[in-house]
């Protein structure tokens, strides 16, 4: 039986790929997103062991986050998949309530007699 894949928007997929490629935690990905880093450019920030002056990527992200926001990792850590699922549920709920709201507006609107 095939495993059912969760729907993730195309704009978030590079973050999932970067998380797997660079072995980042959900907290590191969230911090990098909040810092405005580009997931496609993380490779040049990563330490390749030939560059001993560079920090490992997870430590570098934490250092930047601490410098910019003045605190350790975010208060609540959510994975990309959780954020995508929450957004999808919100849009589905909004779509479900839309026909009810339209019907209520139509019935509340006074009929113009001409």
C-alpha atoms as a PDB file:
ATOM      1  CA  UNK A   1       0.000   0.000   0.000  1.00  0.00           C
ATOM      2  CA  UNK A   2       1.405   3.371  -0.983  1.00  0.00           C
ATOM      3  CA  UNK A   3       2.001   6.017   1.632  1.00  0.00           C
ATOM      4  CA  UNK A   4      -0.305   9.004   1.227  1.00  0.00           C
ATOM      5  CA  UNK A   5       1.667  12.207   0.692  1.00  0.00           C
ATOM      6  CA  UNK A   6       0.572  15.388   2.367  1.00  0.00           C
ATOM      7  CA  UNK A   7      -0.026  18.347   0.083  1.00  0.00           C
ATOM      8  CA  UNK A   8       2.751  20.901   0.450  1.00  0.00           C
ATOM      9  CA  UNK A   9       2.766  24.093  -1.632  1.00  0.00           C
ATOM     10  CA  UNK A  10       5.535  24.343  -4.225  1.00  0.00           C
ATOM     11  CA  UNK A  11       7.006  27.417  -2.546  1.00  0.00           C
ATOM     12  CA  UNK A  12       7.630  25.429   0.665  1.00  0.00           C
ATOM     13  CA  UNK A  13       9.074  22.316  -0.987  1.00  0.00           C
ATOM     14  CA  UNK A  14      12.640  23.749  -1.231  1.00  0.00           C
ATOM     15  CA  UNK A  15      12.649  24.108   2.553  1.00  0.00           C
ATOM     16  CA  UNK A  16      11.763  20.436   2.989  1.00  0.00           C
ATOM     17  CA  UNK A  17      14.514  19.471   0.549  1.00  0.00           C
ATOM     18  CA  UNK A  18      17.027  21.689   2.385  1.00  0.00           C
ATOM     19  CA  UNK A  19      16.006  20.171   5.721  1.00  0.00           C
ATOM     20  CA  UNK A  20      16.780  16.696   4.403  1.00  0.00           C
ATOM     21  CA  UNK A  21      19.938  17.650   2.516  1.00  0.00           C
ATOM     22  CA  UNK A  22      21.605  19.603   5.331  1.00  0.00           C
ATOM     23  CA  UNK A  23      20.094  17.563   8.206  1.00  0.00           C
ATOM     24  CA  UNK A  24      18.387  20.530   9.820  1.00  0.00           C
ATOM     25  CA  UNK A  25      15.755  20.314  12.535  1.00  0.00           C
ATOM     26  CA  UNK A  26      12.312  21.883  12.263  1.00  0.00           C
ATOM     27  CA  UNK A  27      13.511  24.653  14.585  1.00  0.00           C
ATOM     28  CA  UNK A  28      16.493  25.428  12.339  1.00  0.00           C
ATOM     29  CA  UNK A  29      14.252  25.615   9.268  1.00  0.00           C
ATOM     30  CA  UNK A  30      11.823  27.928  11.050  1.00  0.00           C
ATOM     31  CA  UNK A  31      14.662  30.178  12.224  1.00  0.00           C
ATOM     32  CA  UNK A  32      16.159  30.305   8.712  1.00  0.00           C
ATOM     33  CA  UNK A  33      12.760  31.241   7.247  1.00  0.00           C
ATOM     34  CA  UNK A  34      12.277  33.992   9.838  1.00  0.00           C
ATOM     35  CA  UNK A  35      15.762  35.310   9.015  1.00  0.00           C
ATOM     36  CA  UNK A  36      14.819  35.444   5.343  1.00  0.00           C
ATOM     37  CA  UNK A  37      17.444  32.966   4.132  1.00  0.00           C
ATOM     38  CA  UNK A  38      17.089  31.393   0.706  1.00  0.00           C
ATOM     39  CA  UNK A  39      16.896  27.567   0.906  1.00  0.00           C
ATOM     40  CA  UNK A  40      18.639  27.243  -2.449  1.00  0.00           C
ATOM     41  CA  UNK A  41      21.660  29.204  -1.185  1.00  0.00           C
ATOM     42  CA  UNK A  42      22.225  27.229   2.032  1.00  0.00           C
ATOM     43  CA  UNK A  43      24.877  25.095   0.335  1.00  0.00           C
ATOM     44  CA  UNK A  44      27.370  27.944   0.198  1.00  0.00           C
ATOM     45  CA  UNK A  45      26.778  28.710   3.882  1.00  0.00           C
ATOM     46  CA  UNK A  46      27.330  25.083   4.864  1.00  0.00           C
ATOM     47  CA  UNK A  47      30.733  24.014   6.214  1.00  0.00           C
ATOM     48  CA  UNK A  48      32.446  21.648   3.784  1.00  0.00           C
ATOM     49  CA  UNK A  49      35.176  20.555   6.233  1.00  0.00           C
ATOM     50  CA  UNK A  50      37.723  22.226   3.925  1.00  0.00           C
ATOM     51  CA  UNK A  51      36.748  25.539   5.462  1.00  0.00           C
ATOM     52  CA  UNK A  52      37.555  25.251   9.179  1.00  0.00           C
ATOM     53  CA  UNK A  53      36.684  28.908   9.832  1.00  0.00           C
ATOM     54  CA  UNK A  54      33.016  28.295   8.999  1.00  0.00           C
ATOM     55  CA  UNK A  55      30.524  27.171  11.599  1.00  0.00           C
ATOM     56  CA  UNK A  56      28.333  24.167  10.838  1.00  0.00           C
ATOM     57  CA  UNK A  57      25.085  25.341   9.218  1.00  0.00           C
ATOM     58  CA  UNK A  58      22.758  24.679  12.204  1.00  0.00           C
ATOM     59  CA  UNK A  59      25.095  26.585  14.542  1.00  0.00           C
ATOM     60  CA  UNK A  60      25.406  29.422  12.034  1.00  0.00           C
ATOM     61  CA  UNK A  61      21.608  29.752  11.787  1.00  0.00           C
ATOM     62  CA  UNK A  62      21.291  29.814  15.598  1.00  0.00           C
ATOM     63  CA  UNK A  63      24.062  32.452  15.833  1.00  0.00           C
ATOM     64  CA  UNK A  64      22.342  34.689  13.260  1.00  0.00           C
ATOM     65  CA  UNK A  65      18.956  34.228  14.956  1.00  0.00           C
ATOM     66  CA  UNK A  66      20.393  35.149  18.351  1.00  0.00           C
ATOM     67  CA  UNK A  67      22.096  38.210  16.877  1.00  0.00           C
ATOM     68  CA  UNK A  68      18.992  39.482  15.085  1.00  0.00           C
ATOM     69  CA  UNK A  69      16.212  38.606  17.550  1.00  0.00           C
ATOM     70  CA  UNK A  70      18.154  38.474  20.824  1.00  0.00           C
ATOM     71  CA  UNK A  71      16.715  35.128  21.909  1.00  0.00           C
ATOM     72  CA  UNK A  72      17.258  31.438  21.510  1.00  0.00           C
ATOM     73  CA  UNK A  73      15.101  29.319  19.170  1.00  0.00           C
ATOM     74  CA  UNK A  74      11.471  30.343  18.587  1.00  0.00           C
ATOM     75  CA  UNK A  75       8.897  29.910  21.326  1.00  0.00           C
ATOM     76  CA  UNK A  76       6.718  27.555  19.291  1.00  0.00           C
ATOM     77  CA  UNK A  77       8.314  25.358  16.654  1.00  0.00           C
ATOM     78  CA  UNK A  78       6.105  24.126  13.810  1.00  0.00           C
ATOM     79  CA  UNK A  79       7.240  21.987  10.913  1.00  0.00           C
ATOM     80  CA  UNK A  80       6.657  22.987   7.299  1.00  0.00           C
ATOM     81  CA  UNK A  81       4.122  20.176   6.959  1.00  0.00           C
ATOM     82  CA  UNK A  82       2.172  21.390  10.012  1.00  0.00           C
ATOM     83  CA  UNK A  83       2.084  24.954   8.675  1.00  0.00           C
ATOM     84  CA  UNK A  84       0.907  23.744   5.259  1.00  0.00           C
ATOM     85  CA  UNK A  85      -1.802  21.567   6.831  1.00  0.00           C
ATOM     86  CA  UNK A  86      -3.006  24.435   9.039  1.00  0.00           C
ATOM     87  CA  UNK A  87      -3.165  26.817   6.085  1.00  0.00           C
ATOM     88  CA  UNK A  88      -5.040  24.239   3.996  1.00  0.00           C
ATOM     89  CA  UNK A  89      -7.538  23.619   6.816  1.00  0.00           C
ATOM     90  CA  UNK A  90      -8.068  27.358   7.185  1.00  0.00           C
ATOM     91  CA  UNK A  91      -8.769  27.837   3.460  1.00  0.00           C
ATOM     92  CA  UNK A  92     -11.115  24.827   3.397  1.00  0.00           C
ATOM     93  CA  UNK A  93     -13.014  26.205   6.388  1.00  0.00           C
ATOM     94  CA  UNK A  94     -13.218  29.599   4.717  1.00  0.00           C
ATOM     95  CA  UNK A  95     -14.541  28.038   1.499  1.00  0.00           C
ATOM     96  CA  UNK A  96     -17.074  25.988   3.455  1.00  0.00           C
ATOM     97  CA  UNK A  97     -18.443  29.059   5.225  1.00  0.00           C
ATOM     98  CA  UNK A  98     -18.622  31.129   2.042  1.00  0.00           C
ATOM     99  CA  UNK A  99     -21.889  29.739   0.567  1.00  0.00           C
ATOM    100  CA  UNK A 100     -23.629  30.198   3.917  1.00  0.00           C
ATOM    101  CA  UNK A 101     -22.500  33.816   4.091  1.00  0.00           C
ATOM    102  CA  UNK A 102     -23.624  34.463   0.495  1.00  0.00           C
ATOM    103  CA  UNK A 103     -27.070  33.015   1.190  1.00  0.00           C
ATOM    104  CA  UNK A 104     -27.395  35.104   4.344  1.00  0.00           C
ATOM    105  CA  UNK A 105     -26.473  38.271   2.458  1.00  0.00           C
ATOM    106  CA  UNK A 106     -29.002  37.563  -0.276  1.00  0.00           C
ATOM    107  CA  UNK A 107     -31.827  36.996   2.177  1.00  0.00           C
ATOM    108  CA  UNK A 108     -30.921  40.107   4.202  1.00  0.00           C
ATOM    109  CA  UNK A 109     -30.801  42.350   1.111  1.00  0.00           C
ATOM    110  CA  UNK A 110     -34.107  44.118   0.447  1.00  0.00           C
ATOM    111  CA  UNK A 111     -35.686  43.303  -2.888  1.00  0.00           C
ATOM    112  CA  UNK A 112     -36.021  46.284  -5.207  1.00  0.00           C
ATOM    113  CA  UNK A 113     -39.421  46.476  -6.860  1.00  0.00           C
ATOM    114  CA  UNK A 114     -39.425  48.105 -10.211  1.00  0.00           C
END
